């Protein structure tokens, strides 16, 4: 989940846990991360996960109208 406010503890991330429940229910191994908005936190994490051989990453958040909502660019 990408969110400045959730990663700072301003509010609880509900999307990440919901996605985790669904995916785990389907038998997937899930590693959930909560990152601040911006290109670098996500781009750096995606690169590291690819280096680990992770084949699928699902993201939520980071697509609003704020200046730091840059998930697609990452």
Protein backbone atom coordinates (compact mmCIF):
# COMPACT_ATOMS: atom_id res chain seq x y z
CA UNK A 1 0.00 0.00 0.00
CA UNK A 2 1.29 3.44 -0.93
CA UNK A 3 0.19 6.23 1.38
CA UNK A 4 2.03 9.02 3.15
CA UNK A 5 -0.62 9.24 5.86
CA UNK A 6 -1.03 5.51 6.48
CA UNK A 7 2.74 4.94 6.51
CA UNK A 8 3.07 7.77 9.05
CA UNK A 9 0.37 6.23 11.27
CA UNK A 10 -2.17 9.03 10.67
CA UNK A 11 -4.78 6.45 9.70
CA UNK A 12 -5.00 2.70 9.37
CA UNK A 13 -4.36 1.02 6.04
CA UNK A 14 -7.47 -1.03 5.27
CA UNK A 15 -6.79 -1.89 1.63
CA UNK A 16 -3.57 -3.84 2.22
CA UNK A 17 -5.00 -6.15 4.88
CA UNK A 18 -8.15 -6.71 2.80
CA UNK A 19 -6.10 -7.71 -0.24
CA UNK A 20 -3.92 -9.93 1.92
CA UNK A 21 -6.96 -11.79 3.29
CA UNK A 22 -8.32 -12.44 -0.20
CA UNK A 23 -4.98 -13.56 -1.63
CA UNK A 24 -4.10 -15.72 1.36
CA UNK A 25 -7.55 -17.30 1.08
CA UNK A 26 -6.61 -18.28 -2.46
CA UNK A 27 -3.44 -19.94 -1.18
CA UNK A 28 -1.00 -17.19 -2.12
CA UNK A 29 2.06 -16.41 -0.05
CA UNK A 30 1.70 -12.72 0.80
CA UNK A 31 4.25 -10.17 1.90
CA UNK A 32 2.53 -6.90 2.70
CA UNK A 33 4.40 -3.59 2.75
CA UNK A 34 3.25 -0.08 3.63
CA UNK A 35 5.26 2.63 1.86
CA UNK A 36 5.00 6.41 1.63
CA UNK A 37 3.92 7.96 -1.66
CA UNK A 38 6.48 9.04 -4.22
CA UNK A 39 8.40 7.40 -7.03
CA UNK A 40 11.52 6.32 -5.15
CA UNK A 41 9.97 4.35 -2.29
CA UNK A 42 8.02 2.19 -4.75
CA UNK A 43 10.61 2.05 -7.54
CA UNK A 44 13.35 1.05 -5.11
CA UNK A 45 11.15 -1.58 -3.49
CA UNK A 46 10.05 -2.99 -6.85
CA UNK A 47 13.68 -3.29 -7.96
CA UNK A 48 14.65 -5.06 -4.74
CA UNK A 49 11.71 -7.47 -4.99
CA UNK A 50 12.59 -8.25 -8.61
CA UNK A 51 16.18 -8.94 -7.55
CA UNK A 52 14.77 -11.42 -5.01
CA UNK A 53 12.95 -13.19 -7.85
CA UNK A 54 9.44 -12.12 -6.89
CA UNK A 55 7.25 -12.61 -9.94
CA UNK A 56 4.09 -10.70 -9.02
CA UNK A 57 3.58 -7.47 -7.09
CA UNK A 58 0.15 -5.95 -6.49
CA UNK A 59 -0.06 -2.32 -5.39
CA UNK A 60 -2.84 -0.23 -3.94
CA UNK A 61 -2.84 3.50 -3.31
CA UNK A 62 -0.57 6.15 -4.75
CA UNK A 63 -2.95 7.02 -7.57
CA UNK A 64 -4.86 10.01 -6.16
CA UNK A 65 -4.65 13.61 -7.25
CA UNK A 66 -1.88 14.64 -4.83
CA UNK A 67 1.51 15.75 -6.11
CA UNK A 68 3.18 12.69 -4.54
CA UNK A 69 0.68 10.09 -5.84
CA UNK A 70 3.05 8.68 -8.44
CA UNK A 71 2.60 4.92 -8.38
CA UNK A 72 2.08 4.67 -12.17
CA UNK A 73 5.28 6.62 -12.79
CA UNK A 74 7.26 4.33 -10.48
